[in-house]
């Protein structure tokens, strides 16, 4: 993980989910290999409260549920683009 500033550490203290936002893409992808689909959905819901990530919401609004792979790509995209 890159060098973190005092402000970065304060964000992580505020909520541990922030620590993933400081990872580069390779580190993040390696970390996410340890995660289950539900953990990724939880992170996505934390990061974007207006997003459609729950199975029921996805099915109702999109007609399908998000796969693990789709969740990984969404999370990586949001972090790499700093969309949090």
Protein backbone atom coordinates (compact mmCIF):
# COMPACT_ATOMS: atom_id res chain seq x y z
CA UNK A 1 0.00 0.00 0.00
CA UNK A 2 1.26 3.46 -0.81
CA UNK A 3 2.45 5.86 1.89
CA UNK A 4 -0.53 7.20 3.80
CA UNK A 5 -0.90 10.69 5.18
CA UNK A 6 -2.33 11.61 8.55
CA UNK A 7 -5.65 12.43 6.85
CA UNK A 8 -5.65 9.00 5.17
CA UNK A 9 -5.19 7.31 8.54
CA UNK A 10 -8.04 9.38 9.96
CA UNK A 11 -10.34 8.17 7.18
CA UNK A 12 -9.39 4.56 7.92
CA UNK A 13 -10.13 5.14 11.60
CA UNK A 14 -13.48 6.61 10.64
CA UNK A 15 -14.37 3.40 8.79
CA UNK A 16 -12.10 0.44 7.97
CA UNK A 17 -13.54 0.14 4.46
CA UNK A 18 -11.49 3.18 3.48
CA UNK A 19 -8.27 1.14 3.67
CA UNK A 20 -9.11 -0.55 0.37
CA UNK A 21 -9.37 2.78 -1.40
CA UNK A 22 -5.63 3.30 -0.91
CA UNK A 23 -4.61 0.08 -2.67
CA UNK A 24 -3.40 -0.01 -6.22
CA UNK A 25 -5.27 -2.23 -8.65
CA UNK A 26 -2.98 -5.24 -8.29
CA UNK A 27 -3.08 -5.14 -4.47
CA UNK A 28 -6.84 -4.74 -4.53
CA UNK A 29 -7.41 -7.66 -6.91
CA UNK A 30 -5.22 -9.89 -4.73
CA UNK A 31 -7.14 -8.83 -1.61
CA UNK A 32 -10.50 -9.46 -3.27
CA UNK A 33 -9.56 -13.08 -4.02
CA UNK A 34 -10.08 -13.61 -0.26
CA UNK A 35 -13.54 -12.01 -0.26
CA UNK A 36 -16.90 -13.64 -0.80
CA UNK A 37 -19.58 -12.15 -3.03
CA UNK A 38 -21.58 -10.92 -0.03
CA UNK A 39 -18.59 -9.00 1.36
CA UNK A 40 -18.13 -7.26 -1.98
CA UNK A 41 -21.83 -6.37 -2.06
CA UNK A 42 -21.55 -4.97 1.47
CA UNK A 43 -18.59 -2.79 0.45
CA UNK A 44 -20.40 -1.57 -2.67
CA UNK A 45 -23.49 -0.68 -0.62
CA UNK A 46 -21.29 1.16 1.89
CA UNK A 47 -19.55 3.07 -0.88
CA UNK A 48 -22.68 3.88 -2.92
CA UNK A 49 -25.88 3.90 -0.90
CA UNK A 50 -27.91 4.70 -4.02
CA UNK A 51 -26.51 1.78 -6.02
CA UNK A 52 -28.36 -1.39 -6.95
CA UNK A 53 -26.40 -4.27 -5.46
CA UNK A 54 -28.75 -6.48 -3.38
CA UNK A 55 -30.05 -9.55 -5.18
CA UNK A 56 -33.68 -8.51 -4.79
CA UNK A 57 -33.05 -4.97 -6.06
CA UNK A 58 -30.93 -6.23 -8.96
CA UNK A 59 -33.56 -8.75 -10.00
CA UNK A 60 -36.41 -6.24 -9.73
CA UNK A 61 -34.67 -3.40 -11.55
CA UNK A 62 -32.17 -5.12 -13.84
CA UNK A 63 -33.52 -8.62 -14.31
CA UNK A 64 -30.42 -10.42 -13.02
CA UNK A 65 -28.27 -10.68 -9.91
CA UNK A 66 -24.68 -9.50 -9.75
CA UNK A 67 -22.05 -12.20 -9.94
CA UNK A 68 -18.88 -12.27 -7.85
CA UNK A 69 -16.86 -11.29 -10.93
CA UNK A 70 -19.15 -8.34 -11.73
CA UNK A 71 -18.90 -7.20 -8.11
CA UNK A 72 -15.10 -7.32 -8.23
CA UNK A 73 -15.04 -5.27 -11.43
CA UNK A 74 -17.46 -2.70 -9.96
CA UNK A 75 -15.45 -2.36 -6.76
CA UNK A 76 -12.11 -2.11 -8.58
CA UNK A 77 -13.59 0.42 -10.99
CA UNK A 78 -14.98 2.58 -8.19
CA UNK A 79 -11.70 2.54 -6.29
CA UNK A 80 -9.33 3.00 -9.22
CA UNK A 81 -11.49 5.88 -10.51
CA UNK A 82 -11.67 7.21 -6.92
CA UNK A 83 -15.45 7.17 -7.09
CA UNK A 84 -16.03 6.93 -3.32
